[in-house]
Amino acid sequence: MDRASHWERVYSEKAPRDTSWFEDDPTESLDLLLLTGLESGTSVIDIGAGRSPLPRSLVDRGLHDVTALDVSREALDQLDSAEGRVTRVVADITSWLPERHYDRWHDRAVLHFLSAEDAQLYRRTMLDALTPHGAVVIGVFSDSGPESCSGLPVTRYREEDLLEWLGPEFLVLDTRHHTHHTPWGAAQDFVWVAASRDPQKMSLT
């Protein structure tokens, strides 16, 4: 089963609280995005948005250029799009060709589903989509996190692994470890990074 088919099935068959990544309040995501600096005109793309409350939370904070991307059309159809104020993009992040640039790139729990090869394709897409002064916020399973999720294997990251993948052309603003608790009480350890792009090092990409 390909990636899109897998996630279409998941979002068709499971209610929000039946998925391990469900959260009522995207606290870590918002905290780190706010750390990068958000204004009403800041453009944000949420990678693997699914049914996340984050896009709506950003719109409620006054942002008017918010995009939700997911490989599953079903997931985005179920997204609370804040009365049409969130742009929805159905695409596989490893093959997506962005048609515009974004100031902020957010990913909670997509990168860790990718193989090493696909992670590099993802990174190239991220660099192509991000503005020269843009910033990223990324959360993945840490080395003490689950070894699989939603029936798929994952790649667990130490903090230094995540920073190495990000590359020297980013200035790290913050890293943190956070334990997410699933709706049924299981613990999932994440490592997060917030980093801003350094225009002087863009040639390294």
Protein backbone atom coordinates (compact mmCIF):
# COMPACT_ATOMS: atom_id res chain seq x y z
CA MET A 1 0.00 0.00 0.00
CA ASP A 2 1.42 3.40 -0.96
CA ARG A 3 1.69 6.31 1.44
CA ALA A 4 -1.43 8.12 0.25
CA SER A 5 -3.59 5.00 0.35
CA HIS A 6 -2.44 4.17 3.87
CA TRP A 7 -3.37 7.57 5.25
CA GLU A 8 -6.63 7.76 3.31
CA ARG A 9 -7.64 4.53 5.02
CA VAL A 10 -6.56 5.75 8.45
CA TYR A 11 -8.53 8.98 8.23
CA SER A 12 -11.55 7.25 6.72
CA GLU A 13 -11.74 4.55 9.39
CA LYS A 14 -10.59 6.24 12.60
CA ALA A 15 -12.19 8.99 14.63
CA PRO A 16 -9.85 11.75 15.85
CA ARG A 17 -9.52 10.32 19.37
CA ASP A 18 -8.71 6.90 17.95
CA THR A 19 -5.41 8.22 16.57
CA SER A 20 -2.32 8.43 18.75
CA TRP A 21 -1.32 11.90 17.56
CA PHE A 22 -4.60 13.56 18.55
CA GLU A 23 -4.31 16.69 20.69
CA ASP A 24 -6.91 19.24 21.72
CA ASP A 25 -4.41 22.07 22.01
CA PRO A 26 -1.23 22.31 19.87
CA THR A 27 0.76 23.89 22.71
CA GLU A 28 4.29 22.89 21.67
CA SER A 29 3.70 23.86 18.06
CA LEU A 30 2.28 27.26 18.96
CA ASP A 31 4.97 28.02 21.53
CA LEU A 32 7.75 27.35 19.06
CA LEU A 33 6.06 29.13 16.17
CA LEU A 34 5.54 32.18 18.38
CA LEU A 35 9.23 32.00 19.26
CA THR A 36 10.08 32.43 15.57
CA GLY A 37 7.91 35.54 15.42
CA LEU A 38 4.40 35.64 13.98
CA GLU A 39 2.55 38.62 12.56
CA SER A 40 -0.78 38.79 10.76
CA GLY A 41 0.97 38.68 7.39
CA THR A 42 3.29 35.77 8.23
CA SER A 43 2.62 32.86 5.90
CA VAL A 44 2.62 29.43 7.57
CA ILE A 45 2.42 25.96 6.06
CA ASP A 46 1.57 22.98 8.26
CA ILE A 47 3.01 19.77 6.82
CA GLY A 48 0.96 16.66 7.51
CA ALA A 49 -1.77 18.80 8.98
CA GLY A 50 -4.33 16.00 9.01
CA ARG A 51 -7.12 17.08 11.36
CA SER A 52 -4.79 19.18 13.51
CA PRO A 53 -6.21 22.15 15.44
CA LEU A 54 -3.09 24.16 14.58
CA PRO A 55 -4.27 25.83 11.34
CA ARG A 56 -7.47 27.01 13.01
CA SER A 57 -5.48 28.19 16.05
CA LEU A 58 -3.24 30.30 13.79
CA VAL A 59 -6.23 31.84 12.02
CA ASP A 60 -7.81 32.60 15.39
CA ARG A 61 -4.61 34.46 16.31
CA GLY A 62 -5.08 36.76 13.34
CA LEU A 63 -2.94 35.11 10.67
CA HIS A 64 -4.54 35.24 7.25
CA ASP A 65 -2.10 33.17 5.14
CA VAL A 66 -2.25 29.63 6.52
CA THR A 67 -1.84 26.48 4.42
CA ALA A 68 -2.47 22.88 5.47
CA LEU A 69 -0.73 20.15 3.44
CA ASP A 70 -1.41 16.44 3.74
CA VAL A 71 -1.05 13.36 1.57
CA SER A 72 -4.63 12.41 2.52
CA ARG A 73 -7.52 14.25 0.91
CA GLU A 74 -9.83 12.66 3.48
CA ALA A 75 -7.81 14.21 6.30
CA LEU A 76 -8.02 17.68 4.82
CA ASP A 77 -11.72 17.28 4.10
CA GLN A 78 -12.18 16.75 7.85
CA LEU A 79 -9.93 19.66 8.81
CA ASP A 80 -11.55 22.56 10.61
CA SER A 81 -10.58 25.09 7.97
CA ALA A 82 -11.92 28.12 9.83
CA GLU A 83 -14.70 28.92 7.37
CA GLY A 84 -12.44 28.59 4.34
CA ARG A 85 -9.61 30.71 5.72
CA VAL A 86 -7.10 27.85 5.50
CA THR A 87 -5.72 26.81 2.10
CA ARG A 88 -5.63 23.03 1.70
CA VAL A 89 -3.05 21.21 -0.45
CA VAL A 90 -3.18 17.47 -1.11
CA ALA A 91 0.36 16.31 -1.86
CA ASP A 92 3.14 13.91 -0.90
CA ILE A 93 5.86 16.04 0.64
CA THR A 94 8.61 13.97 -1.01
CA SER A 95 7.39 14.82 -4.53
CA TRP A 96 5.50 18.09 -4.06
CA LEU A 97 6.62 21.05 -6.18
CA PRO A 98 5.77 24.26 -4.27
CA GLU A 99 4.33 27.05 -6.39
CA ARG A 100 5.09 29.75 -3.82
CA HIS A 101 7.18 30.50 -0.73
CA TYR A 102 6.29 30.42 2.96
CA ASP A 103 7.69 32.29 5.97
CA ARG A 104 7.16 29.44 8.44
CA TRP A 105 7.29 25.67 7.96
CA HIS A 106 5.72 23.47 10.63
CA ASP A 107 5.85 19.68 10.87
CA ARG A 108 4.66 17.62 13.80
CA ALA A 109 5.27 13.91 13.13
CA VAL A 110 5.76 13.65 9.37
CA LEU A 111 9.54 13.56 9.03
CA HIS A 112 9.92 10.54 11.29
CA PHE A 113 7.81 8.42 8.92
CA LEU A 114 10.30 8.91 6.07
CA SER A 115 13.26 6.81 5.03
CA ALA A 116 16.70 8.44 4.91
CA GLU A 117 16.35 8.94 1.16
CA ASP A 118 12.86 10.41 1.42
CA ALA A 119 13.97 12.63 4.31
CA GLN A 120 16.47 14.27 1.95
CA LEU A 121 13.77 14.78 -0.69
CA TYR A 122 11.62 16.35 2.02
CA ARG A 123 14.49 18.63 3.04
CA ARG A 124 15.01 19.81 -0.52
CA THR A 125 11.31 20.63 -0.83
CA MET A 126 11.42 22.49 2.48
CA LEU A 127 14.37 24.59 1.34
CA ASP A 128 12.69 25.35 -1.99
CA ALA A 129 9.47 26.42 -0.27
CA LEU A 130 10.97 28.53 2.52
CA THR A 131 11.65 32.25 2.16
CA PRO A 132 15.28 33.42 2.63
CA HIS A 133 14.45 34.69 6.13
CA GLY A 134 12.03 31.89 6.93
CA ALA A 135 11.97 29.58 9.94
CA VAL A 136 11.01 25.99 10.67
CA VAL A 137 9.44 24.19 13.61
CA ILE A 138 9.75 20.41 13.49
CA GLY A 139 8.79 17.71 16.00
CA VAL A 140 9.73 14.04 15.61
CA PHE A 141 9.90 10.93 17.79
CA SER A 142 13.01 11.03 19.94
CA ASP A 143 15.37 8.11 20.50
CA SER A 144 13.18 7.10 23.44
CA GLY A 145 9.98 7.39 21.42
CA PRO A 146 7.92 4.69 19.71
CA GLU A 147 9.50 2.45 17.08
CA SER A 148 6.32 2.42 15.01
CA CYS A 149 3.12 4.42 14.64
CA SER A 150 -0.15 3.77 12.82
CA GLY A 151 1.21 0.41 11.68
CA LEU A 152 4.30 1.96 10.06
CA PRO A 153 7.96 1.92 11.13
CA VAL A 154 9.45 5.26 12.10
CA THR A 155 12.91 6.79 12.28
CA ARG A 156 13.69 8.00 15.78
CA TYR A 157 15.91 11.07 16.13
CA ARG A 158 18.34 12.19 18.77
CA GLU A 159 18.54 15.96 19.07
CA GLU A 160 21.91 15.98 17.30
CA ASP A 161 20.48 13.84 14.47
CA LEU A 162 17.70 16.35 13.89
CA LEU A 163 20.10 19.28 13.87
CA GLU A 164 22.45 17.48 11.49
CA TRP A 165 19.56 16.80 9.13
CA LEU A 166 18.50 20.43 9.33
CA GLY A 167 21.99 21.59 8.31
CA PRO A 168 24.38 24.46 9.04
CA GLU A 169 22.35 27.01 7.07
CA PHE A 170 19.89 27.24 9.95
CA LEU A 171 20.34 29.11 13.22
CA VAL A 172 18.83 27.13 16.08
CA LEU A 173 16.44 29.15 18.22
CA ASP A 174 15.37 26.40 20.60
CA THR A 175 15.31 22.65 21.06
CA ARG A 176 13.16 20.81 23.54
CA HIS A 177 11.95 17.38 24.54
CA HIS A 178 8.26 16.80 25.14
CA THR A 179 6.19 13.78 26.06
CA HIS A 180 2.88 13.56 24.23
CA HIS A 181 0.18 11.44 25.82
CA THR A 182 -2.18 9.65 23.47
CA PRO A 183 -5.95 9.69 24.11
CA TRP A 184 -5.56 6.28 25.81
CA GLY A 185 -2.67 7.40 28.02
CA ALA A 186 0.40 6.01 26.24
CA ALA A 187 3.53 8.19 26.35
CA GLN A 188 5.30 9.27 23.16
CA ASP A 189 8.59 11.13 23.50
CA PHE A 190 9.28 13.86 20.95
CA VAL A 191 12.25 16.10 20.21
CA TRP A 192 11.53 19.53 18.75
CA VAL A 193 13.58 22.20 17.03
CA ALA A 194 12.81 25.77 16.05
CA ALA A 195 15.36 27.31 13.69
CA SER A 196 15.63 30.30 11.38
CA ARG A 197 17.23 30.29 7.98
CA ASP A 198 20.51 32.18 7.63
CA PRO A 199 20.48 33.97 4.23
CA GLN A 200 24.28 34.26 4.31
CA LYS A 201 24.55 30.47 4.20
CA MET A 202 21.93 29.78 1.56
CA SER A 203 24.70 28.82 -0.88
CA LEU A 204 25.25 25.72 1.26
CA THR A 205 21.90 24.34 0.09
